[in-house]
């Protein structure tokens, strides 16, 4: 039977010439890790950021890529806090760090210690991208900008307390219009500057002595020096500020994103102070001018009124011309009044004497007797017209039992129900259906009218007052 060489066997065993013992997976992974770290102890890699993500732990994970390849990268929390800008996807950067491997995933990655933009072109590209993104959200719209207060009582300044900027602002305010200033000190460049500037802007909104105006100021510098004012958190804080805000970052040619979000951009910090307050001397001069104009207007109005009065008065006649006839008429009436009163008194006296001769007591007695006879005749007629007079001749008077009304119609009697029949010798209650009720107490008979003795007829006298 022919024998064949078998390349492998069921059990692992050493072979002739094989002097390397087998390694575990962990040993191999760590050996590769040491080799990579020794070979690439410190490197700088240029690439484009992709998949940027900040974990809740504070570590940052992303990928660096170019047209040919990509490599994973990580920034530990201790180094992430020192970044000079906020990384974004698409930004071209230069990452400085060291290569290592992650044995748990059998992959290699770069641990980034410093991250920088790859030149000014990359910086401007990132700036333009951020500007377009924030503008699309409406943070730079002109409709959102508010007018500045004309004369703010308190001004808040966000800047470095040790630079020349705050001194320039204070000197300019003192020259133009002395105003209370509250300085919120912040670093204006470097690590953590953006977050502190944003916190200062938001802090003024809840400050106990809330200012009427905020100035965010910094001197000139390169785009890297001014980069903190291009950060998104600073721009958003300026756009969301409930207090009107002036941006005064850099010199006239420097432009940052906070300039677009602020209510007003000043070319320099000194110009910001000039825009914040008016010139007090000019205001006083303007008030003096207004006061002088007011007095001139009042004087002119008074002079015009005086001239119109003089022109109108000259058209009227002299007072003697108007009042002379009235005065003469008054004198004439005054002379005639005593004579008229005397004549009227004499006439009244003659009339009284004429009337007094006709007023004799016997005439009044005759008048009284005649009226007395007329009254006696009327009293004699009373018994004749009394409603119970016909009862003695067999008539009956019917009244309602409820209210005593005299009933003259059958319908009224049926409606009353309870009746009272009055006879010549008494009363009898009755009802319409024939039933009777207890008779009420008899009503008193009418009193007899005493007749006065008849007096002799006296012919009437004529009225003496006619």
Protein backbone atom coordinates (compact mmCIF):
# COMPACT_ATOMS: atom_id res chain seq x y z
CA UNK A 1 0.00 0.00 0.00
CA UNK A 2 1.39 3.52 -1.01
CA UNK A 3 1.90 6.21 1.74
CA UNK A 4 1.19 10.00 1.21
CA UNK A 5 2.46 13.10 3.19
CA UNK A 6 -0.45 14.90 4.94
CA UNK A 7 0.07 18.77 5.15
CA UNK A 8 -1.96 19.11 8.34
CA UNK A 9 -2.84 17.04 11.29
CA UNK A 10 -5.59 16.79 13.75
CA UNK A 11 -3.50 17.81 16.76
CA UNK A 12 -1.14 20.76 16.99
CA UNK A 13 2.45 19.69 17.45
CA UNK A 14 5.85 21.22 16.88
CA UNK A 15 7.50 20.82 13.51
CA UNK A 16 11.07 20.63 12.44
CA UNK A 17 12.53 24.15 12.02
CA UNK A 18 9.52 25.89 13.66
CA UNK A 19 10.94 27.69 16.70
CA UNK A 20 8.09 30.23 17.37
CA UNK A 21 5.63 29.17 19.98
CA UNK A 22 1.96 29.91 19.26
CA UNK A 23 0.63 33.33 20.51
CA UNK A 24 -2.77 34.09 21.92
CA UNK A 25 -5.04 36.55 20.17
CA UNK A 26 -4.56 39.06 22.96
CA UNK A 27 -0.78 38.71 22.79
CA UNK A 28 -0.83 39.32 19.07
CA UNK A 29 -3.18 42.30 19.37
CA UNK A 30 -1.03 43.92 22.03
CA UNK A 31 2.13 43.20 20.05
CA UNK A 32 0.62 44.96 17.05
CA UNK A 33 -0.43 47.83 19.33
CA UNK A 34 3.13 48.25 20.64
CA UNK A 35 4.57 48.05 17.16
CA UNK A 36 2.20 50.72 15.81
CA UNK A 37 2.71 53.04 18.75
CA UNK A 38 6.51 52.66 18.58
CA UNK A 39 6.60 53.21 14.85
CA UNK A 40 4.14 56.12 14.78
CA UNK A 41 4.81 57.71 18.16
CA UNK A 42 3.73 61.21 17.09
CA UNK A 43 2.18 62.11 13.75
CA UNK A 44 0.29 64.91 12.01
CA UNK A 45 -2.48 63.91 9.62
CA UNK A 46 -4.38 66.17 7.25
CA UNK A 47 -7.92 65.26 6.30
CA UNK A 48 -11.60 66.11 6.30
CA UNK A 49 -13.77 65.58 9.38
CA UNK A 50 -16.64 63.14 8.92
CA UNK A 51 -19.16 61.77 11.43
CA UNK A 52 -18.23 64.14 14.25
CA UNK A 53 -19.88 63.06 17.52
CA UNK A 54 -19.37 64.22 21.10
CA UNK A 55 -20.26 61.47 23.57
CA UNK A 56 -22.01 62.18 26.89
CA UNK A 57 -18.73 61.22 28.58
CA UNK A 58 -17.03 64.22 26.94
CA UNK A 59 -14.93 62.17 24.49
CA UNK A 60 -15.19 63.00 20.78
CA UNK A 61 -15.22 60.46 17.96
CA UNK A 62 -14.91 61.12 14.23
CA UNK A 63 -13.24 59.96 11.03
CA UNK A 64 -10.47 61.66 9.03
CA UNK A 65 -10.72 61.01 5.32
CA UNK A 66 -9.40 62.05 1.95
CA UNK A 67 -9.89 60.80 -1.58
CA UNK A 68 -7.87 57.62 -0.95
CA UNK A 69 -8.60 56.38 2.55
CA UNK A 70 -10.05 57.08 5.97
CA UNK A 71 -8.93 56.57 9.54
CA UNK A 72 -10.83 56.63 12.82
CA UNK A 73 -9.91 59.28 15.37
CA UNK A 74 -10.71 59.98 18.99
CA UNK A 75 -10.18 63.03 21.23
CA UNK A 76 -10.28 62.30 24.94
CA UNK A 77 -12.26 64.63 27.18
CA UNK A 78 -9.12 66.15 28.69
CA UNK A 79 -8.01 67.37 25.25
CA UNK A 80 -11.49 68.18 23.87
CA UNK A 81 -11.91 71.08 26.29
CA UNK A 82 -8.87 72.82 24.83
CA UNK A 83 -10.03 72.96 21.21
CA UNK A 84 -9.77 76.45 19.74
CA UNK A 85 -12.82 75.98 17.53
CA UNK A 86 -15.89 73.81 17.31
CA UNK A 87 -15.26 71.03 14.77
CA UNK A 88 -17.89 70.33 12.13
CA UNK A 89 -18.33 67.76 9.39
CA UNK A 90 -16.60 68.83 6.19
CA UNK A 91 -13.93 70.94 7.87
CA UNK A 92 -10.39 70.25 6.61
CA UNK A 93 -8.10 69.94 9.60
CA UNK A 94 -4.64 68.85 10.67
CA UNK A 95 -4.76 66.40 13.57
CA UNK A 96 -1.72 65.99 15.80
CA UNK A 97 -1.50 62.87 17.96
CA UNK A 98 -0.31 59.29 18.04
CA UNK A 99 -1.35 56.07 16.36
CA UNK A 100 -2.70 53.20 18.39
CA UNK A 101 -4.91 50.20 17.97
CA UNK A 102 -8.11 49.12 19.62
CA UNK A 103 -7.66 45.40 20.29
CA UNK A 104 -11.31 44.93 21.08
CA UNK A 105 -12.24 45.69 17.45
CA UNK A 106 -9.03 44.81 15.65
CA UNK A 107 -8.76 48.31 14.22
CA UNK A 108 -6.28 51.12 14.40
CA UNK A 109 -7.04 54.79 15.16
CA UNK A 110 -5.34 58.06 15.90
CA UNK A 111 -5.61 59.62 19.35
CA UNK A 112 -5.77 63.35 18.63
CA UNK A 113 -4.10 65.71 21.04
CA UNK A 114 -4.46 68.91 19.02
CA UNK A 115 -6.83 69.75 16.16
CA UNK A 116 -6.24 72.72 13.86
CA UNK A 117 -7.79 73.96 10.66
CA UNK A 118 -5.68 73.20 7.61
CA UNK A 119 -4.75 76.76 6.65
CA UNK A 120 -6.73 79.95 6.22
CA UNK A 121 -8.61 78.57 3.24
CA UNK A 122 -10.07 75.79 5.35
CA UNK A 123 -10.87 78.30 8.07
CA UNK A 124 -12.72 80.54 5.64
CA UNK A 125 -14.56 77.56 4.18
CA UNK A 126 -15.74 76.56 7.66
CA UNK A 127 -16.72 80.14 8.40
CA UNK A 128 -18.72 80.44 5.20
CA UNK A 129 -20.47 77.14 5.82
CA UNK A 130 -21.41 78.17 9.33
CA UNK A 131 -22.57 81.59 8.17
CA UNK A 132 -24.89 80.07 5.55
CA UNK A 133 -26.31 77.58 8.05
CA UNK A 134 -27.07 80.25 10.66
CA UNK A 135 -28.48 82.60 8.04
CA UNK A 136 -30.83 79.86 6.86
CA UNK A 137 -32.23 79.72 10.41
CA UNK A 138 -33.09 83.42 10.22
CA UNK A 139 -30.64 84.56 12.89
CA UNK A 140 -29.32 87.33 10.66
CA UNK A 141 -32.68 88.66 9.39
CA UNK A 142 -33.05 92.43 9.48
CA UNK A 143 -36.59 92.10 10.86
CA UNK A 144 -35.17 90.66 14.10
CA UNK A 145 -32.98 93.67 14.79
CA UNK A 146 -34.25 96.16 17.36
CA UNK A 147 -33.60 99.91 17.65
CA UNK A 148 -31.15 101.04 20.30
CA UNK A 149 -32.37 103.08 23.29
CA UNK A 150 -31.81 106.79 22.73
CA UNK A 151 -30.28 107.48 26.15
CA UNK A 152 -29.47 104.26 28.06
CA UNK A 153 -29.12 104.62 31.81
CA UNK A 154 -26.94 101.51 32.21
CA UNK A 155 -24.63 99.95 29.58
CA UNK A 156 -23.21 96.44 29.91
CA UNK A 157 -19.82 95.78 28.27
CA UNK A 158 -18.55 92.25 27.54
CA UNK A 159 -14.79 92.44 27.01
CA UNK A 160 -11.41 91.87 28.59
CA UNK A 161 -10.99 94.04 31.71
CA UNK A 162 -7.26 94.56 31.16
CA UNK A 163 -7.12 95.63 27.51
CA UNK A 164 -7.23 99.07 25.94
CA UNK A 165 -10.75 98.44 24.62
CA UNK A 166 -12.57 99.05 27.91
CA UNK A 167 -10.52 102.20 28.56
CA UNK A 168 -11.39 103.59 25.13
CA UNK A 169 -15.09 102.89 25.67
CA UNK A 170 -15.14 104.49 29.13
CA UNK A 171 -13.24 107.58 27.95
CA UNK A 172 -15.54 108.06 24.97
CA UNK A 173 -18.67 107.67 27.12
CA UNK A 174 -17.30 110.16 29.63
CA UNK A 175 -16.62 112.69 26.86
CA UNK A 176 -20.00 112.31 25.17
CA UNK A 177 -22.51 111.53 27.94
CA UNK A 178 -21.49 110.10 31.35
CA UNK A 179 -23.34 106.81 31.81
CA UNK A 180 -23.22 103.97 34.32
CA UNK A 181 -21.20 101.05 32.87
CA UNK A 182 -21.15 97.44 34.10
CA UNK A 183 -18.19 95.38 32.78
CA UNK A 184 -18.51 91.60 32.49
CA UNK A 185 -14.88 90.42 32.24
CA UNK A 186 -14.21 87.60 29.77
CA UNK A 187 -11.24 86.30 27.77
CA UNK A 188 -11.61 87.40 24.17
CA UNK A 189 -9.52 84.68 22.55
CA UNK A 190 -8.10 81.27 23.25
CA UNK A 191 -9.44 78.25 25.02
CA UNK A 192 -12.97 78.64 26.45
CA UNK A 193 -13.37 82.25 25.26
CA UNK A 194 -16.49 81.53 23.18
CA UNK A 195 -18.41 79.84 25.99
CA UNK A 196 -17.58 82.64 28.45
CA UNK A 197 -18.62 85.38 26.01
CA UNK A 198 -21.92 83.59 25.37
CA UNK A 199 -22.47 83.14 29.12
CA UNK A 200 -21.83 86.86 29.71
CA UNK A 201 -24.38 87.91 27.08
CA UNK A 202 -26.99 85.60 28.58
CA UNK A 203 -26.02 86.60 32.12
CA UNK A 204 -26.82 90.28 31.56
CA UNK A 205 -30.45 89.33 30.78
CA UNK A 206 -30.90 88.03 34.35
CA UNK A 207 -28.57 90.50 36.07
CA UNK A 208 -30.24 92.34 39.02
CA UNK A 209 -29.34 95.73 37.56
CA UNK A 210 -30.24 94.83 34.02
CA UNK A 211 -28.56 97.14 31.48
CA UNK A 212 -30.46 98.93 28.72
CA UNK A 213 -27.75 98.14 26.14
CA UNK A 214 -24.95 95.58 25.71
CA UNK A 215 -21.64 96.18 23.90
CA UNK A 216 -19.52 93.13 22.97
CA UNK A 217 -16.08 94.52 22.20
CA UNK A 218 -12.59 93.35 21.27
CA UNK A 219 -9.60 94.93 19.56
CA UNK A 220 -8.31 93.96 16.16
CA UNK A 221 -6.42 90.78 15.29
CA UNK A 222 -6.13 87.93 12.86
CA UNK A 223 -9.01 85.68 11.95
CA UNK A 224 -7.65 83.12 14.39
CA UNK A 225 -7.63 85.71 17.18
CA UNK A 226 -11.23 86.71 16.46
CA UNK A 227 -12.46 83.16 15.97
CA UNK A 228 -14.26 83.00 19.33
CA UNK A 229 -16.80 85.53 17.97
CA UNK A 230 -17.50 83.23 15.01
CA UNK A 231 -18.53 80.33 17.23
CA UNK A 232 -22.14 79.23 16.99
CA UNK A 233 -22.87 79.54 20.72
CA UNK A 234 -21.77 83.20 20.72
CA UNK A 235 -23.85 83.99 17.63
CA UNK A 236 -26.93 82.33 19.10
CA UNK A 237 -26.51 84.14 22.42
CA UNK A 238 -26.33 87.49 20.60
CA UNK A 239 -29.39 86.69 18.46
CA UNK A 240 -31.43 85.54 21.47
CA UNK A 241 -30.47 88.44 23.75
CA UNK A 242 -33.56 90.33 25.00
CA UNK A 243 -31.36 93.43 25.42
CA UNK A 244 -30.30 95.42 22.32
CA UNK A 245 -26.69 94.54 21.46
CA UNK A 246 -23.86 96.32 19.63
CA UNK A 247 -21.04 94.23 18.17
CA UNK A 248 -17.67 96.00 18.21
CA UNK A 249 -15.20 93.21 17.43
CA UNK A 250 -11.97 94.06 15.60
CA UNK A 251 -11.27 97.01 13.35
CA UNK A 252 -13.29 98.34 10.43
CA UNK A 253 -12.19 95.61 8.00
CA UNK A 254 -12.72 92.74 10.45
CA UNK A 255 -16.02 90.90 10.19
CA UNK A 256 -17.26 88.14 12.46
CA UNK A 257 -20.52 86.23 12.63
CA UNK A 258 -21.62 88.07 15.76
CA UNK A 259 -21.74 91.23 13.63
CA UNK A 260 -24.57 89.71 11.59
CA UNK A 261 -26.55 88.61 14.67
CA UNK A 262 -26.14 91.85 16.64
CA UNK A 263 -28.71 94.65 16.43
CA UNK A 264 -25.97 97.01 15.26
CA UNK A 265 -22.34 96.61 14.18
CA UNK A 266 -19.77 99.21 15.15
CA UNK A 267 -16.52 99.43 13.17
CA UNK A 268 -14.47 99.87 16.39
CA UNK A 269 -15.10 99.76 20.15
CA UNK A 270 -14.75 103.54 20.29
CA UNK A 271 -17.38 103.87 17.59
CA UNK A 272 -19.64 101.59 19.62
CA UNK A 273 -19.50 104.06 22.52
CA UNK A 274 -20.37 106.87 20.10
CA UNK A 275 -23.35 104.92 18.77
CA UNK A 276 -24.53 104.00 22.28
CA UNK A 277 -25.11 107.53 23.64
CA UNK A 278 -25.65 110.99 22.18
CA UNK A 279 -23.43 113.98 22.95
CA UNK A 280 -24.65 115.60 26.14
CA UNK A 281 -23.44 119.04 25.12
CA UNK A 282 -25.34 118.77 21.84
CA UNK A 283 -28.47 117.73 23.73
CA UNK A 284 -28.17 120.70 26.05
CA UNK A 285 -27.61 123.02 23.09
CA UNK A 286 -30.61 121.51 21.36
CA UNK A 287 -32.76 122.04 24.46
CA UNK A 288 -31.58 125.64 24.70
CA UNK A 289 -32.43 126.13 21.05
CA UNK A 290 -35.88 124.62 21.57
CA UNK A 291 -36.42 126.89 24.56
CA UNK A 292 -35.40 129.97 22.59
CA UNK A 293 -37.65 128.96 19.71
CA UNK A 294 -40.51 128.46 22.16
CA UNK A 295 -40.10 131.97 23.57
CA UNK A 296 -39.83 133.45 20.09
CA UNK A 297 -42.99 131.66 19.02
CA UNK A 298 -44.87 132.85 22.12
CA UNK A 299 -43.68 136.42 21.65
CA UNK A 300 -44.58 136.39 17.98
CA UNK A 301 -48.01 135.01 18.77
CA UNK A 302 -48.58 137.70 21.40
CA UNK A 303 -47.40 140.46 19.04
CA UNK A 304 -49.62 139.18 16.24
CA UNK A 305 -52.60 139.08 18.60
CA UNK A 306 -51.80 142.62 19.78
CA UNK A 307 -51.64 143.86 16.17
CA UNK A 308 -54.92 142.16 15.27
CA UNK A 309 -56.57 143.72 18.33
CA UNK A 310 -55.30 147.17 17.38
CA UNK A 311 -56.51 146.75 13.78
CA UNK A 312 -59.90 145.57 14.96
CA UNK A 313 -60.28 148.26 17.61
CA UNK A 314 -59.67 151.08 15.15
CA UNK A 315 -62.70 149.97 13.15
CA UNK A 316 -65.09 150.51 16.07
CA UNK A 317 -66.60 154.04 16.67
CA UNK A 318 -65.71 156.08 19.71
CA UNK A 319 -67.38 155.05 22.97
CA UNK A 320 -69.11 158.46 23.25
CA UNK A 321 -70.60 157.96 19.83
CA UNK A 322 -72.15 154.66 20.86
CA UNK A 323 -73.12 155.55 24.43
CA UNK A 324 -74.04 159.26 24.02
CA UNK A 325 -77.69 158.74 22.89
CA UNK A 326 -78.22 156.13 25.59
CA UNK A 327 -76.89 158.46 28.26
CA UNK A 328 -79.19 161.27 27.05
CA UNK A 329 -82.17 158.93 27.05
CA UNK A 330 -81.27 157.86 30.59
CA UNK A 331 -81.19 161.48 31.74
CA UNK A 332 -84.60 162.19 30.22
CA UNK A 333 -86.15 159.12 31.81
CA UNK A 334 -84.59 160.04 35.14
CA UNK A 335 -86.23 163.48 35.00
CA UNK A 336 -89.66 162.07 34.04
CA UNK A 337 -89.68 159.32 36.65
CA UNK A 338 -90.55 161.47 39.73
CA UNK A 339 -93.35 163.20 37.86
CA UNK A 340 -94.77 159.92 36.64
CA UNK A 341 -94.68 158.37 40.10
CA UNK A 342 -96.47 161.39 41.59
CA UNK A 343 -99.17 161.35 38.91
CA UNK A 344 -99.70 157.61 39.39
CA UNK A 345 -100.04 158.04 43.14
CA UNK A 346 -102.65 160.79 42.74
CA UNK A 347 -104.65 158.70 40.29
CA UNK A 348 -104.63 155.69 42.64
CA UNK A 349 -105.73 157.89 45.53
CA UNK A 350 -108.71 159.27 43.55
CA UNK A 351 -109.76 155.74 42.52
CA UNK A 352 -109.57 154.54 46.12
CA UNK A 353 -111.71 157.47 47.31
CA UNK A 354 -114.32 156.68 44.64
CA UNK A 355 -114.44 153.03 45.61
CA UNK A 356 -114.53 153.67 49.35
CA UNK A 357 -117.77 155.63 49.00
CA UNK A 358 -119.46 152.54 47.58
CA UNK A 359 -118.25 150.15 50.34
CA UNK A 360 -121.12 150.30 53.02
CA UNK A 361 -121.75 147.65 55.75
CA UNK A 362 -125.45 147.31 54.88
CA UNK A 363 -124.56 146.19 51.35
CA UNK A 364 -122.36 143.39 52.73
CA UNK A 365 -125.19 142.32 55.13
CA UNK A 366 -127.69 142.08 52.27
CA UNK A 367 -125.15 140.00 50.28
CA UNK A 368 -124.69 137.60 53.23
CA UNK A 369 -128.46 137.21 53.75
CA UNK A 370 -129.03 136.33 50.11
CA UNK A 371 -126.34 133.61 50.20
CA UNK A 372 -127.85 132.21 53.40
CA UNK A 373 -131.28 131.88 51.74
CA UNK A 374 -129.72 130.05 48.81
CA UNK A 375 -128.04 127.59 51.17
CA UNK A 376 -131.31 126.94 53.03
CA UNK A 377 -133.14 126.20 49.78
CA UNK A 378 -130.47 123.66 48.81
CA UNK A 379 -130.79 121.95 52.23
CA UNK A 380 -134.55 121.52 51.71
CA UNK A 381 -133.87 119.65 48.48
CA UNK A 382 -131.68 117.00 50.14
CA UNK A 383 -134.49 114.73 51.45
CA UNK A 384 -136.21 114.85 48.08
CA UNK A 385 -133.20 113.43 46.23
CA UNK A 386 -132.21 110.80 48.86
CA UNK A 387 -132.09 107.27 47.23
CA UNK A 388 -134.24 105.72 50.01
CA UNK A 389 -137.12 108.20 49.62
CA UNK A 390 -139.04 106.01 47.09
CA UNK A 391 -138.86 102.97 49.42
CA UNK A 392 -141.90 104.20 51.36
CA UNK A 393 -143.96 103.91 48.21
CA UNK A 394 -143.19 100.18 47.71
CA UNK A 395 -139.87 100.38 45.89
CA UNK A 396 -136.85 98.20 46.79
CA UNK A 397 -133.23 99.18 46.43
CA UNK A 398 -130.80 96.28 45.71
CA UNK A 399 -127.16 96.50 46.75
CA UNK A 400 -124.27 94.03 46.59
CA UNK A 401 -123.68 92.28 49.87
CA UNK A 402 -119.90 92.45 49.52
CA UNK A 403 -119.25 96.16 48.87
CA UNK A 404 -122.67 97.86 49.13
CA UNK A 405 -122.86 98.92 45.50
CA UNK A 406 -126.36 99.77 44.23
CA UNK A 407 -127.23 97.27 41.49
CA UNK A 408 -129.43 98.44 38.61
CA UNK A 409 -129.01 95.49 36.22
CA UNK A 410 -129.86 91.78 36.55
CA UNK A 411 -126.49 90.73 35.22
CA UNK A 412 -124.76 92.67 37.99
CA UNK A 413 -127.01 90.97 40.58
CA UNK A 414 -126.18 87.51 39.23
CA UNK A 415 -122.48 88.34 39.29
CA UNK A 416 -122.64 89.64 42.88
CA UNK A 417 -124.33 86.47 44.21
CA UNK A 418 -124.98 87.83 47.71
CA UNK A 419 -127.53 90.69 47.76
CA UNK A 420 -129.06 93.08 50.29
CA UNK A 421 -132.64 94.27 49.70
CA UNK A 422 -133.55 97.67 51.17
CA UNK A 423 -137.32 98.19 52.03
CA UNK A 424 -139.07 101.15 53.54
CA UNK A 425 -139.14 99.49 56.95
CA UNK A 426 -135.83 97.56 56.91
CA UNK A 427 -133.33 95.41 55.01
CA UNK A 428 -133.38 91.77 53.96
CA UNK A 429 -130.38 89.73 52.73
CA UNK A 430 -130.87 87.45 49.74
CA UNK A 431 -128.99 85.43 47.13
CA UNK A 432 -129.62 85.00 43.45
CA UNK A 433 -130.53 81.29 43.81
CA UNK A 434 -133.15 82.05 46.53
CA UNK A 435 -131.15 81.14 49.68
CA UNK A 436 -130.91 83.61 52.55
CA UNK A 437 -128.16 84.48 54.96
CA UNK A 438 -128.33 86.02 58.44
CA UNK A 439 -129.39 89.61 58.25
CA UNK A 440 -126.76 92.14 59.11
CA UNK A 441 -127.35 94.81 61.67
CA UNK A 442 -129.81 97.42 60.41
CA UNK A 443 -128.18 100.47 58.98
CA UNK A 444 -128.95 103.74 60.70
CA UNK A 445 -131.70 105.73 59.03
CA UNK A 446 -130.65 108.94 57.38
CA UNK A 447 -130.66 111.93 59.63
CA UNK A 448 -133.38 114.46 59.13
CA UNK A 449 -132.23 117.77 57.78
CA UNK A 450 -133.16 120.66 59.97
CA UNK A 451 -134.85 123.35 58.00
CA UNK A 452 -133.84 126.86 58.62
CA UNK A 453 -136.64 129.42 59.04
CA UNK A 454 -137.64 131.05 55.83
CA UNK A 455 -136.54 134.60 55.64
CA UNK A 456 -138.10 137.41 53.67
CA UNK A 457 -136.92 137.78 50.15
CA UNK A 458 -134.42 140.56 49.61
CA UNK A 459 -133.67 141.66 46.05
CA UNK A 460 -130.01 141.21 45.06
CA UNK A 461 -127.67 144.19 45.21
CA UNK A 462 -125.30 144.97 42.35
CA UNK A 463 -121.61 144.02 42.90
CA UNK A 464 -119.77 147.07 44.16
CA UNK A 465 -116.41 145.76 42.79
CA UNK A 466 -117.66 145.41 39.20
